[in-house]
Amino acid sequence: MITPEQTEQVKQHLLGQLNNFPEDQRELVKKKILLMTDTELETFLKQNQLTHLEKDSSEDKCIFCLIVEGKMQSYQIAEDKDNIVILEINPLSKGHSLVVPKEHLDVSKISSSAFTLAKKISKKIETKFKPQEVKISSQNMFGHALLEILPIYGAETERHKATQEELIELKIQLEIKKKTPKPKKEKVKEIKNTNSENIPILKPRIP
């Protein structure tokens, strides 16, 4: 059971995610968060796999840093040296994804490699799902810069909680697997033929 102090800290943490929701829904979501009882909040954390907030709320850890560190479950579909790409678990549309820099950066410091990776995923979404367009925009959540990849199909209304089955299927369809370098072939040393003429002939021994 979480303490009243933890409840307040977790609520403040969740309120920091309001930018994730459509503008017309933010006020409603804010009211729901503020009115949650301790029990309701604890249930919400478990349902949304956010129990780390209950344990570490005093440290106010960034949710995206935890994902990069592998301390929180995510559905990763691509990675390069500086970034990972994960599926949005509360998507607005099919293929909704986030490019997350491995470092806790400000938006102004998002690398060009992040945009390159976002474009690769966008092309794959266009090929697989044929949206009208795919929007790429920079976001700042918990002070962690990221890129949002949002496919537009024309019927987007509100976010929904994606099921594990949906996320696994999308991961299979959109995953860009890292190329494993081919092992280098070892050079086989040539064995020089020994000139038989230089081999001394031994006389047969007579018992």
C-alpha atoms as a PDB file:
ATOM      1  CA  MET A   1       0.000   0.000   0.000  1.00  0.00           C
ATOM      2  CA  ILE A   2       1.423   3.389  -0.951  1.00  0.00           C
ATOM      3  CA  THR A   3       1.678   6.197   1.579  1.00  0.00           C
ATOM      4  CA  PRO A   4      -0.167   9.549   1.239  1.00  0.00           C
ATOM      5  CA  GLU A   5       3.200  11.198   0.483  1.00  0.00           C
ATOM      6  CA  GLN A   6       3.863   8.715  -2.322  1.00  0.00           C
ATOM      7  CA  THR A   7       0.327   9.256  -3.653  1.00  0.00           C
ATOM      8  CA  GLU A   8       0.947  12.966  -4.035  1.00  0.00           C
ATOM      9  CA  GLN A   9       4.341  12.437  -5.669  1.00  0.00           C
ATOM     10  CA  VAL A  10       2.979   9.868  -8.126  1.00  0.00           C
ATOM     11  CA  LYS A  11       0.043  12.129  -9.051  1.00  0.00           C
ATOM     12  CA  GLN A  12       2.440  14.973  -9.810  1.00  0.00           C
ATOM     13  CA  HIS A  13       4.510  12.569 -11.905  1.00  0.00           C
ATOM     14  CA  LEU A  14       1.435  11.471 -13.887  1.00  0.00           C
ATOM     15  CA  LEU A  15       0.326  15.064 -14.412  1.00  0.00           C
ATOM     16  CA  GLY A  16       3.622  15.623 -16.178  1.00  0.00           C
ATOM     17  CA  GLN A  17       2.380  13.257 -18.904  1.00  0.00           C
ATOM     18  CA  LEU A  18      -0.666  15.351 -19.825  1.00  0.00           C
ATOM     19  CA  ASN A  19       1.021  16.479 -23.053  1.00  0.00           C
ATOM     20  CA  ASN A  20       0.634  12.867 -24.191  1.00  0.00           C
ATOM     21  CA  PHE A  21      -3.126  13.360 -24.423  1.00  0.00           C
ATOM     22  CA  PRO A  22      -5.148  15.336 -26.983  1.00  0.00           C
ATOM     23  CA  GLU A  23      -5.567  18.934 -25.834  1.00  0.00           C
ATOM     24  CA  ASP A  24      -9.345  18.669 -25.465  1.00  0.00           C
ATOM     25  CA  GLN A  25      -8.978  15.731 -23.036  1.00  0.00           C
ATOM     26  CA  ARG A  26      -6.210  17.070 -20.797  1.00  0.00           C
ATOM     27  CA  GLU A  27      -8.495  18.827 -18.322  1.00  0.00           C
ATOM     28  CA  LEU A  28     -10.641  15.713 -17.872  1.00  0.00           C
ATOM     29  CA  VAL A  29      -7.595  13.468 -17.385  1.00  0.00           C
ATOM     30  CA  LYS A  30      -6.145  15.976 -14.907  1.00  0.00           C
ATOM     31  CA  LYS A  31      -9.352  15.892 -12.821  1.00  0.00           C
ATOM     32  CA  LYS A  32      -9.408  12.084 -12.838  1.00  0.00           C
ATOM     33  CA  ILE A  33      -5.807  11.903 -11.602  1.00  0.00           C
ATOM     34  CA  LEU A  34      -6.369  14.448  -8.848  1.00  0.00           C
ATOM     35  CA  LEU A  35      -9.542  12.712  -7.628  1.00  0.00           C
ATOM     36  CA  MET A  36      -7.998   9.216  -7.439  1.00  0.00           C
ATOM     37  CA  THR A  37      -7.948   7.599  -3.991  1.00  0.00           C
ATOM     38  CA  ASP A  38      -4.825   5.778  -2.764  1.00  0.00           C
ATOM     39  CA  THR A  39      -6.394   2.411  -3.680  1.00  0.00           C
ATOM     40  CA  GLU A  40      -7.495   3.592  -7.140  1.00  0.00           C
ATOM     41  CA  LEU A  41      -4.045   5.002  -7.813  1.00  0.00           C
ATOM     42  CA  GLU A  42      -2.337   1.764  -6.766  1.00  0.00           C
ATOM     43  CA  THR A  43      -4.662  -0.226  -9.055  1.00  0.00           C
ATOM     44  CA  PHE A  44      -3.969   2.196 -11.918  1.00  0.00           C
ATOM     45  CA  LEU A  45      -0.198   1.789 -11.489  1.00  0.00           C
ATOM     46  CA  LYS A  46      -0.466  -2.011 -11.604  1.00  0.00           C
ATOM     47  CA  GLN A  47      -2.784  -2.032 -14.637  1.00  0.00           C
ATOM     48  CA  ASN A  48      -0.453   0.249 -16.583  1.00  0.00           C
ATOM     49  CA  GLN A  49       2.778  -1.465 -15.473  1.00  0.00           C
ATOM     50  CA  LEU A  50       3.941   1.669 -13.653  1.00  0.00           C
ATOM     51  CA  THR A  51       4.653   0.110 -10.269  1.00  0.00           C
ATOM     52  CA  HIS A  52       8.217   1.493 -10.407  1.00  0.00           C
ATOM     53  CA  LEU A  53       6.655   4.913  -9.695  1.00  0.00           C
ATOM     54  CA  GLU A  54       5.233   3.537  -6.468  1.00  0.00           C
ATOM     55  CA  LYS A  55       8.642   2.253  -5.369  1.00  0.00           C
ATOM     56  CA  ASP A  56      10.876   5.030  -6.634  1.00  0.00           C
ATOM     57  CA  SER A  57       8.553   8.044  -6.697  1.00  0.00           C
ATOM     58  CA  SER A  58      10.745   9.912  -4.217  1.00  0.00           C
ATOM     59  CA  GLU A  59      13.569   9.815  -6.737  1.00  0.00           C
ATOM     60  CA  ASP A  60      11.295  11.179  -9.479  1.00  0.00           C
ATOM     61  CA  LYS A  61      12.909   8.953 -12.100  1.00  0.00           C
ATOM     62  CA  CYS A  62      12.337   9.638 -15.776  1.00  0.00           C
ATOM     63  CA  ILE A  63      10.165   6.921 -17.290  1.00  0.00           C
ATOM     64  CA  PHE A  64      12.131   6.996 -20.558  1.00  0.00           C
ATOM     65  CA  CYS A  65      15.494   6.629 -18.811  1.00  0.00           C
ATOM     66  CA  LEU A  66      14.070   3.544 -17.092  1.00  0.00           C
ATOM     67  CA  ILE A  67      12.993   2.140 -20.475  1.00  0.00           C
ATOM     68  CA  VAL A  68      16.445   2.763 -21.974  1.00  0.00           C
ATOM     69  CA  GLU A  69      18.047   1.056 -18.947  1.00  0.00           C
ATOM     70  CA  GLY A  70      15.761  -1.951 -19.412  1.00  0.00           C
ATOM     71  CA  LYS A  71      14.156  -1.406 -15.995  1.00  0.00           C
ATOM     72  CA  MET A  72      10.685  -0.952 -17.442  1.00  0.00           C
ATOM     73  CA  GLN A  73       8.917  -3.038 -20.067  1.00  0.00           C
ATOM     74  CA  SER A  74       8.626  -1.619 -23.558  1.00  0.00           C
ATOM     75  CA  TYR A  75       8.054  -2.872 -27.076  1.00  0.00           C
ATOM     76  CA  GLN A  76      11.210  -1.902 -28.944  1.00  0.00           C
ATOM     77  CA  ILE A  77      11.160  -1.962 -32.746  1.00  0.00           C
ATOM     78  CA  ALA A  78      14.500  -0.384 -33.670  1.00  0.00           C
ATOM     79  CA  GLU A  79      17.794   0.803 -32.223  1.00  0.00           C
ATOM     80  CA  ASP A  80      20.976   2.562 -33.210  1.00  0.00           C
ATOM     81  CA  LYS A  81      24.012   3.748 -31.264  1.00  0.00           C
ATOM     82  CA  ASP A  82      22.228   6.744 -29.719  1.00  0.00           C
ATOM     83  CA  ASN A  83      18.485   5.955 -29.783  1.00  0.00           C
ATOM     84  CA  ILE A  84      15.799   3.314 -29.403  1.00  0.00           C
ATOM     85  CA  VAL A  85      12.341   3.251 -30.986  1.00  0.00           C
ATOM     86  CA  ILE A  86       9.416   1.942 -28.926  1.00  0.00           C
ATOM     87  CA  LEU A  87       5.714   1.495 -29.569  1.00  0.00           C
ATOM     88  CA  GLU A  88       3.393   3.931 -27.785  1.00  0.00           C
ATOM     89  CA  ILE A  89       1.363   1.848 -25.303  1.00  0.00           C
ATOM     90  CA  ASN A  90      -1.462   4.412 -25.370  1.00  0.00           C
ATOM     91  CA  PRO A  91      -1.559   5.035 -29.126  1.00  0.00           C
ATOM     92  CA  LEU A  92      -3.660   7.502 -31.028  1.00  0.00           C
ATOM     93  CA  SER A  93      -3.341   5.427 -34.201  1.00  0.00           C
ATOM     94  CA  LYS A  94      -1.871   2.165 -35.520  1.00  0.00           C
ATOM     95  CA  GLY A  95       1.918   2.313 -35.575  1.00  0.00           C
ATOM     96  CA  HIS A  96       2.168   5.276 -33.163  1.00  0.00           C
ATOM     97  CA  SER A  97       5.808   5.156 -31.992  1.00  0.00           C
ATOM     98  CA  LEU A  98       8.453   7.112 -30.082  1.00  0.00           C
ATOM     99  CA  VAL A  99      12.142   7.600 -30.842  1.00  0.00           C
ATOM    100  CA  VAL A 100      13.856   7.849 -27.458  1.00  0.00           C
ATOM    101  CA  PRO A 101      17.454   9.127 -27.202  1.00  0.00           C
ATOM    102  CA  LYS A 102      19.529   6.987 -24.857  1.00  0.00           C
ATOM    103  CA  GLU A 103      20.712  10.123 -23.087  1.00  0.00           C
ATOM    104  CA  HIS A 104      18.451  12.417 -21.051  1.00  0.00           C
ATOM    105  CA  LEU A 105      18.569  15.384 -23.443  1.00  0.00           C
ATOM    106  CA  ASP A 106      16.734  18.618 -24.123  1.00  0.00           C
ATOM    107  CA  VAL A 107      14.744  18.913 -27.378  1.00  0.00           C
ATOM    108  CA  SER A 108      17.334  21.297 -28.836  1.00  0.00           C
ATOM    109  CA  LYS A 109      19.949  18.540 -28.600  1.00  0.00           C
ATOM    110  CA  ILE A 110      18.131  15.756 -30.457  1.00  0.00           C
ATOM    111  CA  SER A 111      20.673  14.235 -32.843  1.00  0.00           C
ATOM    112  CA  SER A 112      20.291  13.876 -36.596  1.00  0.00           C
ATOM    113  CA  SER A 113      20.501  10.091 -36.119  1.00  0.00           C
ATOM    114  CA  ALA A 114      17.191  10.226 -34.222  1.00  0.00           C
ATOM    115  CA  PHE A 115      15.493  11.867 -37.220  1.00  0.00           C
ATOM    116  CA  THR A 116      17.111   9.337 -39.575  1.00  0.00           C
ATOM    117  CA  LEU A 117      15.747   6.475 -37.474  1.00  0.00           C
ATOM    118  CA  ALA A 118      12.301   8.131 -37.311  1.00  0.00           C
ATOM    119  CA  LYS A 119      12.206   8.365 -41.119  1.00  0.00           C
ATOM    120  CA  LYS A 120      13.087   4.669 -41.451  1.00  0.00           C
ATOM    121  CA  ILE A 121      10.208   3.699 -39.193  1.00  0.00           C
ATOM    122  CA  SER A 122       7.875   6.128 -41.001  1.00  0.00           C
ATOM    123  CA  LYS A 123       8.649   4.477 -44.345  1.00  0.00           C
ATOM    124  CA  LYS A 124       7.978   1.047 -42.892  1.00  0.00           C
ATOM    125  CA  ILE A 125       4.641   2.245 -41.474  1.00  0.00           C
ATOM    126  CA  GLU A 126       3.718   3.733 -44.865  1.00  0.00           C
ATOM    127  CA  THR A 127       4.561   0.445 -46.593  1.00  0.00           C
ATOM    128  CA  LYS A 128       2.719  -1.768 -44.098  1.00  0.00           C
ATOM    129  CA  PHE A 129      -0.364   0.260 -43.187  1.00  0.00           C
ATOM    130  CA  LYS A 130      -0.840   2.889 -45.932  1.00  0.00           C
ATOM    131  CA  PRO A 131      -1.734   5.916 -43.748  1.00  0.00           C
ATOM    132  CA  GLN A 132      -2.604   9.269 -45.351  1.00  0.00           C
ATOM    133  CA  GLU A 133       0.594  10.677 -43.862  1.00  0.00           C
ATOM    134  CA  VAL A 134       3.058  10.129 -41.027  1.00  0.00           C
ATOM    135  CA  LYS A 135       3.893  13.094 -38.814  1.00  0.00           C
ATOM    136  CA  ILE A 136       7.229  13.351 -36.996  1.00  0.00           C
ATOM    137  CA  SER A 137       7.401  15.886 -34.170  1.00  0.00           C
ATOM    138  CA  SER A 138       9.722  16.580 -31.255  1.00  0.00           C
ATOM    139  CA  GLN A 139       8.397  16.270 -27.702  1.00  0.00           C
ATOM    140  CA  ASN A 140       9.738  16.865 -24.213  1.00  0.00           C
ATOM    141  CA  MET A 141       8.410  14.516 -21.542  1.00  0.00           C
ATOM    142  CA  PHE A 142       9.850  14.543 -18.017  1.00  0.00           C
ATOM    143  CA  GLY A 143      12.645  16.670 -19.449  1.00  0.00           C
ATOM    144  CA  HIS A 144      13.554  13.811 -21.816  1.00  0.00           C
ATOM    145  CA  ALA A 145      13.555  14.798 -25.467  1.00  0.00           C
ATOM    146  CA  LEU A 146      12.048  12.377 -27.970  1.00  0.00           C
ATOM    147  CA  LEU A 147      10.478  12.191 -31.414  1.00  0.00           C
ATOM    148  CA  GLU A 148       6.868  11.156 -31.886  1.00  0.00           C
ATOM    149  CA  ILE A 149       5.970   9.189 -35.027  1.00  0.00           C
ATOM    150  CA  LEU A 150       2.232   9.555 -35.592  1.00  0.00           C
ATOM    151  CA  PRO A 151       0.500   7.894 -38.574  1.00  0.00           C
ATOM    152  CA  ILE A 152      -2.635   9.739 -39.688  1.00  0.00           C
ATOM    153  CA  TYR A 153      -5.461   7.679 -41.184  1.00  0.00           C
ATOM    154  CA  GLY A 154      -8.202  10.306 -40.867  1.00  0.00           C
ATOM    155  CA  ALA A 155     -10.299   8.720 -38.116  1.00  0.00           C
ATOM    156  CA  GLU A 156      -8.174   9.465 -35.044  1.00  0.00           C
ATOM    157  CA  THR A 157     -10.334  10.487 -32.088  1.00  0.00           C
ATOM    158  CA  GLU A 158      -8.676   9.527 -28.829  1.00  0.00           C
ATOM    159  CA  ARG A 159      -5.916   7.404 -27.362  1.00  0.00           C
ATOM    160  CA  HIS A 160      -6.608   3.876 -26.184  1.00  0.00           C
ATOM    161  CA  LYS A 161      -4.764   1.367 -24.043  1.00  0.00           C
ATOM    162  CA  ALA A 162      -3.153  -1.102 -26.466  1.00  0.00           C
ATOM    163  CA  THR A 163      -3.374  -4.772 -25.535  1.00  0.00           C
ATOM    164  CA  GLN A 164      -0.261  -6.898 -25.242  1.00  0.00           C
ATOM    165  CA  GLU A 165      -1.406  -8.887 -28.299  1.00  0.00           C
ATOM    166  CA  GLU A 166      -1.689  -5.689 -30.379  1.00  0.00           C
ATOM    167  CA  LEU A 167       1.757  -4.511 -29.320  1.00  0.00           C
ATOM    168  CA  ILE A 168       3.432  -7.855 -30.004  1.00  0.00           C
ATOM    169  CA  GLU A 169       1.833  -8.044 -33.471  1.00  0.00           C
ATOM    170  CA  LEU A 170       2.937  -4.475 -34.282  1.00  0.00           C
ATOM    171  CA  LYS A 171       6.450  -5.227 -33.041  1.00  0.00           C
ATOM    172  CA  ILE A 172       6.658  -8.194 -35.432  1.00  0.00           C
ATOM    173  CA  GLN A 173       5.396  -6.072 -38.356  1.00  0.00           C
ATOM    174  CA  LEU A 174       7.539  -2.980 -37.764  1.00  0.00           C
ATOM    175  CA  GLU A 175      10.722  -4.270 -36.139  1.00  0.00           C
ATOM    176  CA  ILE A 176      13.964  -3.344 -37.854  1.00  0.00           C
ATOM    177  CA  LYS A 177      16.468  -5.922 -36.702  1.00  0.00           C
ATOM    178  CA  LYS A 178      20.071  -4.957 -36.147  1.00  0.00           C
ATOM    179  CA  LYS A 179      22.461  -6.346 -38.697  1.00  0.00           C
ATOM    180  CA  THR A 180      24.943  -8.709 -37.154  1.00  0.00           C
ATOM    181  CA  PRO A 181      28.407  -8.344 -38.653  1.00  0.00           C
ATOM    182  CA  LYS A 182      29.607 -11.367 -40.559  1.00  0.00           C
ATOM    183  CA  PRO A 183      32.512 -13.135 -38.891  1.00  0.00           C
ATOM    184  CA  LYS A 184      35.793 -12.471 -40.619  1.00  0.00           C
ATOM    185  CA  LYS A 185      37.217 -15.401 -42.496  1.00  0.00           C
ATOM    186  CA  GLU A 186      40.569 -16.428 -41.198  1.00  0.00           C
ATOM    187  CA  LYS A 187      43.271 -16.560 -43.791  1.00  0.00           C
ATOM    188  CA  VAL A 188      44.494 -20.074 -44.280  1.00  0.00           C
ATOM    189  CA  LYS A 189      48.233 -20.144 -44.286  1.00  0.00           C
ATOM    190  CA  GLU A 190      49.647 -21.846 -47.319  1.00  0.00           C
ATOM    191  CA  ILE A 191      51.898 -24.757 -46.536  1.00  0.00           C
ATOM    192  CA  LYS A 192      54.834 -24.714 -48.841  1.00  0.00           C
ATOM    193  CA  ASN A 193      55.658 -28.006 -50.467  1.00  0.00           C
ATOM    194  CA  THR A 194      58.932 -29.323 -49.248  1.00  0.00           C
ATOM    195  CA  ASN A 195      61.273 -30.230 -52.064  1.00  0.00           C
ATOM    196  CA  SER A 196      61.573 -33.990 -51.988  1.00  0.00           C
ATOM    197  CA  GLU A 197      65.045 -33.713 -53.431  1.00  0.00           C
ATOM    198  CA  ASN A 198      66.278 -32.212 -50.180  1.00  0.00           C
ATOM    199  CA  ILE A 199      64.967 -35.093 -48.075  1.00  0.00           C
ATOM    200  CA  PRO A 200      67.855 -37.464 -47.239  1.00  0.00           C
ATOM    201  CA  ILE A 201      67.286 -41.106 -48.134  1.00  0.00           C
ATOM    202  CA  LEU A 202      67.907 -43.405 -45.221  1.00  0.00           C
ATOM    203  CA  LYS A 203      69.619 -46.737 -45.870  1.00  0.00           C
ATOM    204  CA  PRO A 204      67.574 -49.761 -44.910  1.00  0.00           C
ATOM    205  CA  ARG A 205      68.609 -51.316 -41.639  1.00  0.00           C
ATOM    206  CA  ILE A 206      69.604 -54.988 -41.754  1.00  0.00           C
ATOM    207  CA  PRO A 207      68.639 -56.830 -38.587  1.00  0.00           C
END
